[in-house]
């Protein structure tokens, strides 16, 4: 199992919790964040790759629990992995599934493009199908961007779908990202002199 394949979104089958695994600043470490869009976003586990292979270490209130070892995860990019922890009384197991199309939430992938030098936020389904495109300024905050996105999402919202938005890097956005500019979220880090076109700020 290659290191990059551990990153991304996973559904825990035993609890139905959704986790987002991202690389940590420490070498061979990954942060495991509980995704409860849009309410909270807290670190629950840390994955460490050491002499015993990958292990899942509980964090925060769960820190007193024994770490889990990766017992199953065949192939370089498995769609399902199993963590096991041996306790004095029984073996505990956590099964993670990466087949996101089976989840109850509708995931919307964010990408971008420029049309006539105007920045366009592109909303796509995981299949690659474009849902809508929205013109906005690169400095538009995430909370403002969501308001601009509503008309293009009416079809999904009318079906009472729970939406989760995923950045090009695979991060699930939450309310903690509300003040972040959309340019930063999609990974367009150019300075003002590098941004094509005239800025079109939201009218208030």
N, C-alpha and C. Protein backbone atom coordinates (compact mmCIF):
# COMPACT_ATOMS: atom_id res chain seq x y z
N UNK A 1 0.86 -1.19 0.00
CA UNK A 1 0.00 0.00 0.00
C UNK A 1 0.89 1.24 0.00
N UNK A 2 0.85 2.05 -1.07
CA UNK A 2 1.70 3.22 -1.14
C UNK A 2 1.19 4.31 -0.21
N UNK A 3 2.12 5.19 0.22
CA UNK A 3 1.79 6.18 1.23
C UNK A 3 0.70 7.15 0.79
N UNK A 4 0.72 7.55 -0.50
CA UNK A 4 -0.27 8.54 -0.97
C UNK A 4 -1.68 7.97 -1.00
N UNK A 5 -1.81 6.64 -1.11
CA UNK A 5 -3.15 6.04 -1.23
C UNK A 5 -3.92 6.07 0.08
N UNK A 6 -3.23 6.33 1.20
CA UNK A 6 -3.92 6.40 2.49
C UNK A 6 -4.67 7.72 2.63
N UNK A 7 -4.26 8.73 1.84
CA UNK A 7 -4.87 10.05 1.94
C UNK A 7 -6.23 10.09 1.25
N UNK A 8 -7.08 11.04 1.72
CA UNK A 8 -8.39 11.21 1.11
C UNK A 8 -9.51 10.83 2.07
N UNK A 9 -10.69 10.63 1.52
CA UNK A 9 -11.89 10.38 2.30
C UNK A 9 -12.14 8.89 2.50
N UNK A 10 -12.52 8.52 3.72
CA UNK A 10 -12.83 7.12 4.05
C UNK A 10 -14.12 7.06 4.87
N UNK A 11 -14.92 6.06 4.60
CA UNK A 11 -16.14 5.80 5.38
C UNK A 11 -15.86 4.61 6.30
N UNK A 12 -16.07 4.80 7.62
CA UNK A 12 -15.90 3.70 8.57
C UNK A 12 -17.22 2.93 8.64
N UNK A 13 -17.19 1.67 8.24
CA UNK A 13 -18.43 0.89 8.09
C UNK A 13 -19.09 0.60 9.43
N UNK A 14 -18.31 0.44 10.49
CA UNK A 14 -18.89 0.10 11.79
C UNK A 14 -19.67 1.27 12.40
N UNK A 15 -19.23 2.51 12.18
CA UNK A 15 -19.85 3.67 12.82
C UNK A 15 -20.52 4.61 11.83
N UNK A 16 -20.27 4.44 10.51
CA UNK A 16 -20.73 5.32 9.43
C UNK A 16 -20.08 6.70 9.50
N UNK A 17 -19.02 6.84 10.30
CA UNK A 17 -18.28 8.11 10.36
C UNK A 17 -17.46 8.27 9.09
N UNK A 18 -17.28 9.52 8.67
CA UNK A 18 -16.47 9.82 7.50
C UNK A 18 -15.20 10.52 7.98
N UNK A 19 -14.07 10.03 7.53
CA UNK A 19 -12.78 10.59 7.93
C UNK A 19 -12.04 11.13 6.71
N UNK A 20 -11.28 12.20 6.94
CA UNK A 20 -10.42 12.76 5.90
C UNK A 20 -8.98 12.62 6.36
N UNK A 21 -8.17 11.89 5.59
CA UNK A 21 -6.77 11.65 5.94
C UNK A 21 -5.89 12.59 5.12
N UNK A 22 -5.08 13.40 5.82
CA UNK A 22 -4.19 14.35 5.15
C UNK A 22 -2.78 14.18 5.70
N UNK A 23 -1.79 14.53 4.90
CA UNK A 23 -0.39 14.41 5.32
C UNK A 23 -0.09 15.39 6.44
N UNK A 24 0.67 14.94 7.44
CA UNK A 24 1.09 15.78 8.55
C UNK A 24 2.43 16.43 8.24
N UNK A 25 2.81 17.43 9.05
CA UNK A 25 4.12 18.04 8.87
C UNK A 25 5.23 17.08 9.25
N UNK A 26 4.93 16.11 10.12
CA UNK A 26 5.93 15.12 10.51
C UNK A 26 6.07 14.08 9.41
N UNK A 27 7.29 13.65 9.11
CA UNK A 27 7.48 12.61 8.09
C UNK A 27 6.78 11.31 8.48
N UNK A 28 6.15 10.66 7.50
CA UNK A 28 5.47 9.38 7.70
C UNK A 28 4.36 9.46 8.75
N UNK A 29 3.71 10.62 8.86
CA UNK A 29 2.58 10.81 9.76
C UNK A 29 1.41 11.39 8.96
N UNK A 30 0.18 10.99 9.33
CA UNK A 30 -1.03 11.52 8.67
C UNK A 30 -2.06 11.86 9.74
N UNK A 31 -2.76 12.99 9.56
CA UNK A 31 -3.84 13.39 10.46
C UNK A 31 -5.16 12.81 9.96
N UNK A 32 -5.96 12.30 10.87
CA UNK A 32 -7.27 11.74 10.52
C UNK A 32 -8.35 12.60 11.16
N UNK A 33 -9.08 13.32 10.34
CA UNK A 33 -10.06 14.29 10.81
C UNK A 33 -11.47 13.76 10.61
N UNK A 34 -12.31 13.91 11.63
CA UNK A 34 -13.71 13.53 11.52
C UNK A 34 -14.44 14.58 10.70
N UNK A 35 -15.12 14.16 9.65
CA UNK A 35 -15.86 15.06 8.78
C UNK A 35 -17.32 15.04 9.19
N UNK A 36 -17.79 16.17 9.68
CA UNK A 36 -19.20 16.32 10.04
C UNK A 36 -19.69 17.60 9.41
N UNK A 37 -19.66 17.64 8.09
CA UNK A 37 -19.95 18.86 7.34
C UNK A 37 -21.38 19.32 7.57
N UNK A 38 -21.63 20.60 7.83
CA UNK A 38 -20.62 21.64 7.95
C UNK A 38 -20.34 22.02 9.39
N UNK A 39 -20.68 21.18 10.36
CA UNK A 39 -20.65 21.59 11.76
C UNK A 39 -19.27 21.60 12.39
N UNK A 40 -18.55 20.50 12.30
CA UNK A 40 -17.28 20.42 13.00
C UNK A 40 -16.24 19.71 12.17
N UNK A 41 -15.02 19.78 12.61
CA UNK A 41 -13.91 19.19 11.87
C UNK A 41 -12.77 18.97 12.86
N UNK A 42 -12.77 17.85 13.57
CA UNK A 42 -11.80 17.63 14.62
C UNK A 42 -10.93 16.40 14.37
N UNK A 43 -9.67 16.50 14.82
CA UNK A 43 -8.72 15.41 14.63
C UNK A 43 -9.03 14.29 15.62
N UNK A 44 -9.25 13.08 15.12
CA UNK A 44 -9.62 11.93 15.93
C UNK A 44 -8.47 10.94 16.06
N UNK A 45 -7.74 10.74 14.98
CA UNK A 45 -6.64 9.77 14.96
C UNK A 45 -5.40 10.37 14.30
N UNK A 46 -4.29 9.68 14.50
CA UNK A 46 -3.08 9.99 13.76
C UNK A 46 -2.50 8.66 13.26
N UNK A 47 -2.15 8.62 11.99
CA UNK A 47 -1.54 7.43 11.40
C UNK A 47 -0.03 7.63 11.39
N UNK A 48 0.70 6.64 11.89
CA UNK A 48 2.16 6.69 11.91
C UNK A 48 2.71 5.45 11.23
N UNK A 49 3.70 5.67 10.38
CA UNK A 49 4.33 4.56 9.65
C UNK A 49 5.73 4.36 10.21
N UNK A 50 5.92 3.34 11.04
CA UNK A 50 7.20 3.09 11.68
C UNK A 50 7.68 1.68 11.41
N UNK A 51 8.47 1.15 12.34
CA UNK A 51 9.04 -0.17 12.18
C UNK A 51 8.00 -1.28 12.16
N UNK A 52 6.82 -1.03 12.72
CA UNK A 52 5.75 -2.04 12.77
C UNK A 52 4.72 -1.84 11.66
N UNK A 53 5.05 -1.02 10.66
CA UNK A 53 4.09 -0.72 9.61
C UNK A 53 3.15 0.41 10.05
N UNK A 54 2.12 0.66 9.29
CA UNK A 54 1.19 1.74 9.61
C UNK A 54 0.35 1.37 10.83
N UNK A 55 0.26 2.34 11.77
CA UNK A 55 -0.58 2.18 12.97
C UNK A 55 -1.47 3.39 13.14
N UNK A 56 -2.66 3.16 13.67
CA UNK A 56 -3.67 4.19 13.87
C UNK A 56 -3.73 4.52 15.37
N UNK A 57 -3.31 5.74 15.72
CA UNK A 57 -3.25 6.14 17.13
C UNK A 57 -4.42 7.07 17.46
N UNK A 58 -5.29 6.68 18.41
CA UNK A 58 -6.38 7.56 18.83
C UNK A 58 -5.83 8.84 19.46
N UNK A 59 -6.54 9.96 19.24
CA UNK A 59 -6.13 11.27 19.75
C UNK A 59 -7.24 11.85 20.62
N UNK A 60 -6.95 12.94 21.31
CA UNK A 60 -7.95 13.64 22.11
C UNK A 60 -8.56 12.78 23.19
N UNK A 61 -9.89 12.74 23.26
CA UNK A 61 -10.59 11.98 24.29
C UNK A 61 -10.38 10.47 24.14
N UNK A 62 -9.97 10.03 22.96
CA UNK A 62 -9.76 8.61 22.71
C UNK A 62 -8.31 8.19 22.95
N UNK A 63 -7.48 9.11 23.44
CA UNK A 63 -6.04 8.87 23.52
C UNK A 63 -5.68 7.68 24.40
N UNK A 64 -6.53 7.35 25.36
CA UNK A 64 -6.23 6.23 26.28
C UNK A 64 -6.41 4.87 25.61
N UNK A 65 -7.03 4.82 24.44
CA UNK A 65 -7.26 3.56 23.75
C UNK A 65 -5.97 3.03 23.14
N UNK A 66 -5.89 1.72 22.96
CA UNK A 66 -4.75 1.09 22.33
C UNK A 66 -4.70 1.45 20.83
N UNK A 67 -3.49 1.61 20.26
CA UNK A 67 -3.40 1.87 18.81
C UNK A 67 -3.86 0.68 18.00
N UNK A 68 -4.27 0.94 16.77
CA UNK A 68 -4.70 -0.10 15.84
C UNK A 68 -3.58 -0.34 14.83
N UNK A 69 -3.44 -1.57 14.41
CA UNK A 69 -2.46 -1.90 13.37
C UNK A 69 -3.22 -2.16 12.06
N UNK A 70 -2.58 -1.83 10.95
CA UNK A 70 -3.17 -2.08 9.64
C UNK A 70 -3.03 -3.56 9.34
N UNK A 71 -4.16 -4.27 9.32
CA UNK A 71 -4.11 -5.72 9.13
C UNK A 71 -4.49 -6.14 7.72
N UNK A 72 -5.27 -5.29 7.02
CA UNK A 72 -5.67 -5.61 5.65
C UNK A 72 -5.65 -4.34 4.81
N UNK A 73 -5.19 -4.48 3.60
CA UNK A 73 -5.11 -3.37 2.67
C UNK A 73 -4.30 -3.80 1.48
N UNK A 74 -4.81 -4.78 0.76
CA UNK A 74 -4.07 -5.41 -0.31
C UNK A 74 -4.00 -4.51 -1.54
N UNK A 75 -2.88 -4.58 -2.24
CA UNK A 75 -2.73 -3.79 -3.45
C UNK A 75 -2.15 -2.42 -3.14
N UNK A 76 -1.73 -1.71 -4.20
CA UNK A 76 -1.12 -0.39 -4.01
C UNK A 76 -2.15 0.68 -3.69
N UNK A 77 -3.39 0.51 -4.17
CA UNK A 77 -4.46 1.49 -3.89
C UNK A 77 -5.75 0.76 -3.54
N UNK A 78 -5.81 0.22 -2.33
CA UNK A 78 -7.00 -0.55 -1.93
C UNK A 78 -8.21 0.35 -1.74
N UNK A 79 -9.40 -0.21 -1.99
CA UNK A 79 -10.64 0.53 -1.73
C UNK A 79 -11.17 0.24 -0.33
N UNK A 80 -10.58 -0.72 0.36
CA UNK A 80 -11.00 -1.04 1.73
C UNK A 80 -9.79 -1.46 2.55
N UNK A 81 -9.67 -0.91 3.77
CA UNK A 81 -8.59 -1.30 4.67
C UNK A 81 -9.20 -1.62 6.03
N UNK A 82 -8.51 -2.45 6.80
CA UNK A 82 -9.00 -2.88 8.11
C UNK A 82 -7.93 -2.61 9.15
N UNK A 83 -8.33 -1.90 10.22
CA UNK A 83 -7.46 -1.66 11.37
C UNK A 83 -7.90 -2.58 12.51
N UNK A 84 -6.94 -3.21 13.20
CA UNK A 84 -7.26 -4.10 14.32
C UNK A 84 -6.48 -3.69 15.56
N UNK A 85 -7.12 -3.81 16.72
CA UNK A 85 -6.47 -3.53 18.00
C UNK A 85 -6.78 -4.67 18.96
N UNK A 86 -5.74 -5.30 19.48
CA UNK A 86 -5.92 -6.41 20.41
C UNK A 86 -6.00 -5.88 21.84
N UNK A 87 -7.10 -6.18 22.51
CA UNK A 87 -7.30 -5.80 23.91
C UNK A 87 -7.29 -7.08 24.74
N UNK A 88 -7.16 -6.97 26.07
CA UNK A 88 -7.16 -8.17 26.92
C UNK A 88 -8.41 -9.03 26.76
N UNK A 89 -9.53 -8.44 26.37
CA UNK A 89 -10.78 -9.21 26.31
C UNK A 89 -11.19 -9.59 24.90
N UNK A 90 -10.91 -8.72 23.92
CA UNK A 90 -11.35 -9.01 22.55
C UNK A 90 -10.58 -8.16 21.56
N UNK A 91 -10.76 -8.49 20.28
CA UNK A 91 -10.13 -7.72 19.22
C UNK A 91 -11.11 -6.68 18.68
N UNK A 92 -10.66 -5.44 18.61
CA UNK A 92 -11.49 -4.36 18.07
C UNK A 92 -11.08 -4.13 16.61
N UNK A 93 -12.05 -3.79 15.79
CA UNK A 93 -11.79 -3.64 14.35
C UNK A 93 -12.46 -2.38 13.81
N UNK A 94 -11.78 -1.71 12.91
CA UNK A 94 -12.33 -0.56 12.18
C UNK A 94 -12.11 -0.81 10.69
N UNK A 95 -13.19 -0.82 9.94
CA UNK A 95 -13.12 -1.08 8.50
C UNK A 95 -13.39 0.21 7.75
N UNK A 96 -12.44 0.62 6.93
CA UNK A 96 -12.57 1.87 6.18
C UNK A 96 -12.77 1.56 4.70
N UNK A 97 -13.75 2.23 4.10
CA UNK A 97 -14.09 2.02 2.70
C UNK A 97 -13.92 3.33 1.94
N UNK A 98 -13.27 3.26 0.79
CA UNK A 98 -12.98 4.47 0.02
C UNK A 98 -13.92 4.67 -1.16
N UNK A 99 -14.92 3.82 -1.31
CA UNK A 99 -15.83 3.92 -2.45
C UNK A 99 -16.87 4.99 -2.17
N UNK A 100 -16.49 6.26 -2.40
CA UNK A 100 -17.30 7.40 -1.99
C UNK A 100 -18.65 7.46 -2.67
N UNK A 101 -18.80 6.81 -3.82
CA UNK A 101 -20.08 6.89 -4.50
C UNK A 101 -21.19 6.18 -3.73
N UNK A 102 -20.83 5.40 -2.71
CA UNK A 102 -21.83 4.69 -1.92
C UNK A 102 -22.31 5.50 -0.72
N UNK A 103 -21.70 6.66 -0.48
CA UNK A 103 -22.04 7.42 0.72
C UNK A 103 -23.34 8.18 0.54
N UNK A 104 -23.95 8.54 1.64
CA UNK A 104 -25.22 9.27 1.60
C UNK A 104 -25.03 10.71 1.19
N UNK A 105 -23.87 11.30 1.49
CA UNK A 105 -23.61 12.69 1.10
C UNK A 105 -23.27 12.76 -0.38
N UNK A 106 -23.68 13.86 -1.01
CA UNK A 106 -23.28 14.12 -2.38
C UNK A 106 -22.02 14.97 -2.35
N UNK A 107 -20.93 14.45 -2.87
CA UNK A 107 -19.66 15.18 -2.85
C UNK A 107 -19.54 16.01 -4.12
N UNK A 108 -19.18 17.28 -3.94
CA UNK A 108 -19.01 18.20 -5.06
C UNK A 108 -17.54 18.59 -5.13
N UNK A 109 -16.91 18.28 -6.24
CA UNK A 109 -15.49 18.58 -6.44
C UNK A 109 -15.33 19.99 -7.00
N UNK A 110 -14.44 20.78 -6.38
CA UNK A 110 -14.18 22.15 -6.83
C UNK A 110 -12.95 22.18 -7.73
N UNK A 111 -13.08 22.77 -8.90
CA UNK A 111 -11.94 23.06 -9.76
C UNK A 111 -12.13 24.48 -10.28
N UNK A 112 -11.24 24.92 -11.17
CA UNK A 112 -11.42 26.28 -11.69
C UNK A 112 -10.89 26.37 -13.11
N UNK A 113 -11.29 27.46 -13.77
CA UNK A 113 -10.81 27.78 -15.11
C UNK A 113 -10.96 29.28 -15.30
N UNK A 114 -10.33 29.79 -16.35
CA UNK A 114 -10.49 31.21 -16.68
C UNK A 114 -11.17 31.31 -18.04
N UNK A 115 -12.20 32.14 -18.10
CA UNK A 115 -12.91 32.38 -19.35
C UNK A 115 -12.89 33.88 -19.62
N UNK A 116 -12.26 34.27 -20.74
CA UNK A 116 -12.10 35.70 -21.05
C UNK A 116 -11.45 36.43 -19.87
N UNK A 117 -10.43 35.81 -19.30
CA UNK A 117 -9.65 36.37 -18.19
C UNK A 117 -10.44 36.50 -16.90
N UNK A 118 -11.60 35.88 -16.82
CA UNK A 118 -12.42 35.92 -15.60
C UNK A 118 -12.34 34.56 -14.91
N UNK A 119 -12.07 34.59 -13.60
CA UNK A 119 -11.99 33.36 -12.82
C UNK A 119 -13.37 32.71 -12.71
N UNK A 120 -13.43 31.41 -12.99
CA UNK A 120 -14.68 30.65 -12.89
C UNK A 120 -14.46 29.47 -11.96
N UNK A 121 -15.28 29.38 -10.92
CA UNK A 121 -15.27 28.21 -10.05
C UNK A 121 -16.13 27.14 -10.71
N UNK A 122 -15.55 25.95 -10.91
CA UNK A 122 -16.26 24.86 -11.59
C UNK A 122 -16.66 23.81 -10.56
N UNK A 123 -17.94 23.48 -10.51
CA UNK A 123 -18.46 22.47 -9.60
C UNK A 123 -18.73 21.20 -10.39
N UNK A 124 -18.13 20.09 -9.94
CA UNK A 124 -18.28 18.83 -10.66
C UNK A 124 -18.75 17.71 -9.74
N UNK A 125 -19.44 16.74 -10.32
CA UNK A 125 -19.70 15.50 -9.63
C UNK A 125 -18.42 14.67 -9.66
N UNK A 126 -18.34 13.62 -8.83
CA UNK A 126 -17.15 12.79 -8.81
C UNK A 126 -16.95 12.05 -10.12
N UNK A 127 -17.99 11.95 -10.92
CA UNK A 127 -17.88 11.33 -12.23
C UNK A 127 -17.19 12.24 -13.24
N UNK A 128 -17.00 13.52 -12.86
CA UNK A 128 -16.41 14.50 -13.77
C UNK A 128 -17.44 15.39 -14.43
N UNK A 129 -18.71 15.02 -14.33
CA UNK A 129 -19.78 15.82 -14.94
C UNK A 129 -19.86 17.19 -14.28
N UNK A 130 -19.92 18.23 -15.11
CA UNK A 130 -20.00 19.60 -14.59
C UNK A 130 -21.41 19.90 -14.10
N UNK A 131 -21.50 20.38 -12.87
CA UNK A 131 -22.80 20.78 -12.31
C UNK A 131 -23.10 22.21 -12.69
N UNK A 132 -22.12 23.10 -12.47
CA UNK A 132 -22.28 24.50 -12.85
C UNK A 132 -20.92 25.20 -12.77
N UNK A 133 -20.85 26.38 -13.35
CA UNK A 133 -19.68 27.24 -13.23
C UNK A 133 -20.14 28.59 -12.70
N UNK A 134 -19.33 29.19 -11.84
CA UNK A 134 -19.71 30.45 -11.20
C UNK A 134 -18.54 31.43 -11.29
N UNK A 135 -18.79 32.59 -11.88
CA UNK A 135 -17.76 33.63 -11.96
C UNK A 135 -17.67 34.36 -10.63
N UNK A 136 -16.46 34.57 -10.17
CA UNK A 136 -16.26 35.29 -8.91
C UNK A 136 -14.83 35.79 -8.84
N UNK A 137 -14.57 36.64 -7.88
CA UNK A 137 -13.23 37.16 -7.65
C UNK A 137 -12.41 36.13 -6.89
N UNK A 138 -11.12 36.08 -7.14
CA UNK A 138 -10.24 35.14 -6.44
C UNK A 138 -10.20 35.37 -4.94
N UNK A 139 -10.48 36.60 -4.52
CA UNK A 139 -10.46 36.93 -3.09
C UNK A 139 -11.80 36.69 -2.40
N UNK A 140 -12.78 36.18 -3.13
CA UNK A 140 -14.08 35.87 -2.52
C UNK A 140 -13.89 34.82 -1.43
N UNK A 141 -14.45 35.08 -0.27
CA UNK A 141 -14.33 34.12 0.84
C UNK A 141 -15.21 32.90 0.57
N UNK A 142 -14.90 31.79 1.25
CA UNK A 142 -15.67 30.57 1.06
C UNK A 142 -17.13 30.76 1.44
N UNK A 143 -17.42 31.52 2.48
CA UNK A 143 -18.81 31.73 2.89
C UNK A 143 -19.55 32.54 1.82
N UNK A 144 -18.87 33.50 1.19
CA UNK A 144 -19.50 34.27 0.11
C UNK A 144 -19.66 33.43 -1.15
N UNK A 145 -18.67 32.58 -1.40
CA UNK A 145 -18.73 31.71 -2.59
C UNK A 145 -19.92 30.78 -2.53
N UNK A 146 -20.23 30.27 -1.34
CA UNK A 146 -21.37 29.34 -1.21
C UNK A 146 -22.68 30.03 -1.58
N UNK A 147 -22.80 31.31 -1.26
CA UNK A 147 -24.01 32.05 -1.63
C UNK A 147 -24.11 32.16 -3.16
N UNK A 148 -22.99 32.45 -3.82
CA UNK A 148 -22.98 32.56 -5.27
C UNK A 148 -23.26 31.23 -5.95
N UNK A 149 -22.95 30.13 -5.27
CA UNK A 149 -23.11 28.79 -5.85
C UNK A 149 -24.54 28.28 -5.78
N UNK A 150 -25.38 28.88 -4.96
CA UNK A 150 -26.73 28.36 -4.72
C UNK A 150 -27.55 28.17 -5.99
N UNK A 151 -27.60 29.17 -6.91
CA UNK A 151 -28.43 28.96 -8.13
C UNK A 151 -28.03 27.72 -8.91
N UNK A 152 -26.74 27.45 -9.03
CA UNK A 152 -26.30 26.29 -9.79
C UNK A 152 -26.50 24.96 -9.09
N UNK A 153 -26.78 25.03 -7.79
CA UNK A 153 -26.96 23.81 -7.00
C UNK A 153 -28.43 23.54 -6.68
N UNK A 154 -29.34 24.34 -7.25
CA UNK A 154 -30.76 24.23 -6.90
C UNK A 154 -31.31 22.83 -7.13
N UNK A 155 -30.86 22.18 -8.20
CA UNK A 155 -31.38 20.85 -8.50
C UNK A 155 -31.02 19.86 -7.39
N UNK A 156 -29.77 19.90 -6.94
CA UNK A 156 -29.35 19.00 -5.86
C UNK A 156 -30.01 19.38 -4.54
N UNK A 157 -30.08 20.69 -4.29
CA UNK A 157 -30.67 21.14 -3.03
C UNK A 157 -32.17 20.84 -2.96
N UNK A 158 -32.85 20.86 -4.11
CA UNK A 158 -34.29 20.58 -4.13
C UNK A 158 -34.58 19.13 -3.78
N UNK A 159 -33.59 18.26 -3.93
CA UNK A 159 -33.75 16.85 -3.58
C UNK A 159 -33.33 16.57 -2.14
N UNK A 160 -33.14 17.65 -1.38
CA UNK A 160 -32.78 17.55 0.05
C UNK A 160 -31.47 16.75 0.22
N UNK A 161 -30.56 16.92 -0.75
CA UNK A 161 -29.30 16.23 -0.66
C UNK A 161 -28.36 16.95 0.31
N UNK A 162 -27.60 16.17 1.08
CA UNK A 162 -26.56 16.74 1.93
C UNK A 162 -25.31 16.88 1.09
N UNK A 163 -24.80 18.11 0.95
CA UNK A 163 -23.66 18.36 0.08
C UNK A 163 -22.39 18.53 0.89
N UNK A 164 -21.30 18.00 0.38
CA UNK A 164 -19.97 18.21 0.95
C UNK A 164 -19.07 18.63 -0.20
N UNK A 165 -18.25 19.67 0.04
CA UNK A 165 -17.43 20.24 -1.01
C UNK A 165 -15.97 19.85 -0.80
N UNK A 166 -15.34 19.39 -1.87
CA UNK A 166 -13.99 18.87 -1.80
C UNK A 166 -13.06 19.73 -2.65
N UNK A 167 -11.96 20.19 -2.07
CA UNK A 167 -11.00 21.02 -2.78
C UNK A 167 -10.20 20.16 -3.76
N UNK A 168 -9.48 20.78 -4.71
CA UNK A 168 -8.66 20.00 -5.63
C UNK A 168 -7.62 19.13 -4.93
N UNK A 169 -7.24 19.49 -3.70
CA UNK A 169 -6.27 18.70 -2.94
C UNK A 169 -6.92 17.54 -2.20
N UNK A 170 -8.25 17.46 -2.24
CA UNK A 170 -8.95 16.37 -1.56
C UNK A 170 -9.43 16.71 -0.17
N UNK A 171 -9.29 17.98 0.26
CA UNK A 171 -9.76 18.38 1.58
C UNK A 171 -11.25 18.68 1.55
N UNK A 172 -11.98 18.18 2.54
CA UNK A 172 -13.40 18.49 2.66
C UNK A 172 -13.53 19.82 3.40
N UNK A 173 -14.21 20.77 2.79
CA UNK A 173 -14.33 22.11 3.36
C UNK A 173 -15.42 22.15 4.43
N UNK A 174 -15.16 22.91 5.49
CA UNK A 174 -16.10 23.08 6.58
C UNK A 174 -16.24 24.56 6.90
N UNK A 175 -17.01 24.87 7.93
CA UNK A 175 -17.20 26.28 8.30
C UNK A 175 -15.91 26.90 8.82
N UNK A 176 -14.95 26.11 9.20
CA UNK A 176 -13.66 26.65 9.62
C UNK A 176 -12.92 27.29 8.44
N UNK A 177 -13.37 26.99 7.22
CA UNK A 177 -12.76 27.58 6.01
C UNK A 177 -13.50 28.82 5.53
N UNK A 178 -14.51 29.27 6.27
CA UNK A 178 -15.39 30.34 5.80
C UNK A 178 -14.64 31.59 5.35
N UNK A 179 -13.58 31.96 6.06
CA UNK A 179 -12.88 33.20 5.74
C UNK A 179 -11.77 33.04 4.70
N UNK A 180 -11.50 31.81 4.29
CA UNK A 180 -10.43 31.57 3.31
C UNK A 180 -10.86 32.05 1.92
N UNK A 181 -9.98 32.71 1.19
CA UNK A 181 -10.32 33.11 -0.19
C UNK A 181 -10.39 31.90 -1.10
N UNK A 182 -11.27 31.95 -2.07
CA UNK A 182 -11.47 30.80 -2.94
C UNK A 182 -10.21 30.50 -3.75
N UNK A 183 -9.42 31.53 -4.06
CA UNK A 183 -8.17 31.29 -4.78
C UNK A 183 -7.22 30.40 -4.01
N UNK A 184 -7.18 30.60 -2.70
CA UNK A 184 -6.32 29.77 -1.84
C UNK A 184 -6.87 28.35 -1.76
N UNK A 185 -8.18 28.22 -1.68
CA UNK A 185 -8.82 26.90 -1.55
C UNK A 185 -8.55 26.03 -2.78
N UNK A 186 -8.62 26.63 -3.97
CA UNK A 186 -8.43 25.83 -5.19
C UNK A 186 -6.96 25.74 -5.59
N UNK A 187 -6.08 26.41 -4.82
CA UNK A 187 -4.65 26.28 -5.08
C UNK A 187 -4.09 27.23 -6.10
N UNK A 188 -4.81 28.32 -6.39
CA UNK A 188 -4.29 29.35 -7.30
C UNK A 188 -3.60 30.40 -6.45
N UNK A 189 -2.27 30.32 -6.35
CA UNK A 189 -1.55 31.18 -5.42
C UNK A 189 -0.87 32.37 -6.04
N UNK A 190 -1.25 32.73 -7.26
CA UNK A 190 -0.59 33.86 -7.91
C UNK A 190 -0.88 35.17 -7.22
N UNK A 191 0.06 36.12 -7.31
CA UNK A 191 -0.14 37.45 -6.74
C UNK A 191 -1.12 38.24 -7.58
N UNK A 192 -1.44 39.46 -7.12
CA UNK A 192 -2.42 40.28 -7.83
C UNK A 192 -2.00 40.57 -9.27
N UNK A 193 -0.64 40.72 -9.46
CA UNK A 193 -0.19 41.03 -10.81
C UNK A 193 -0.22 39.82 -11.72
N UNK A 194 -0.50 38.63 -11.15
CA UNK A 194 -0.56 37.42 -11.96
C UNK A 194 -1.99 36.99 -12.25
N UNK A 195 -2.94 37.63 -11.64
CA UNK A 195 -4.33 37.22 -11.80
C UNK A 195 -4.92 37.84 -13.06
N UNK A 196 -5.37 37.04 -14.00
CA UNK A 196 -5.91 37.59 -15.24
C UNK A 196 -7.19 38.38 -14.98
N UNK A 197 -7.36 39.43 -15.77
CA UNK A 197 -8.64 40.13 -15.75
C UNK A 197 -8.83 41.07 -14.58
N UNK A 198 -9.89 41.80 -14.64
CA UNK A 198 -10.25 42.73 -13.60
C UNK A 198 -11.03 42.04 -12.51
N UNK A 199 -10.75 42.37 -11.26
CA UNK A 199 -11.47 41.75 -10.14
C UNK A 199 -12.93 42.17 -10.14
N UNK A 200 -13.80 41.23 -9.86
CA UNK A 200 -15.23 41.51 -9.76
C UNK A 200 -15.69 41.14 -8.37
N UNK A 201 -15.71 42.13 -7.49
CA UNK A 201 -16.03 41.86 -6.08
C UNK A 201 -17.53 41.75 -5.87
N UNK A 202 -17.89 41.03 -4.84
CA UNK A 202 -19.31 40.88 -4.50
C UNK A 202 -19.88 42.23 -4.08
N UNK A 203 -21.05 42.56 -4.58
CA UNK A 203 -21.74 43.75 -4.08
C UNK A 203 -22.42 43.39 -2.78
N UNK A 204 -22.40 44.29 -1.83
CA UNK A 204 -22.95 44.00 -0.51
C UNK A 204 -24.24 44.78 -0.29
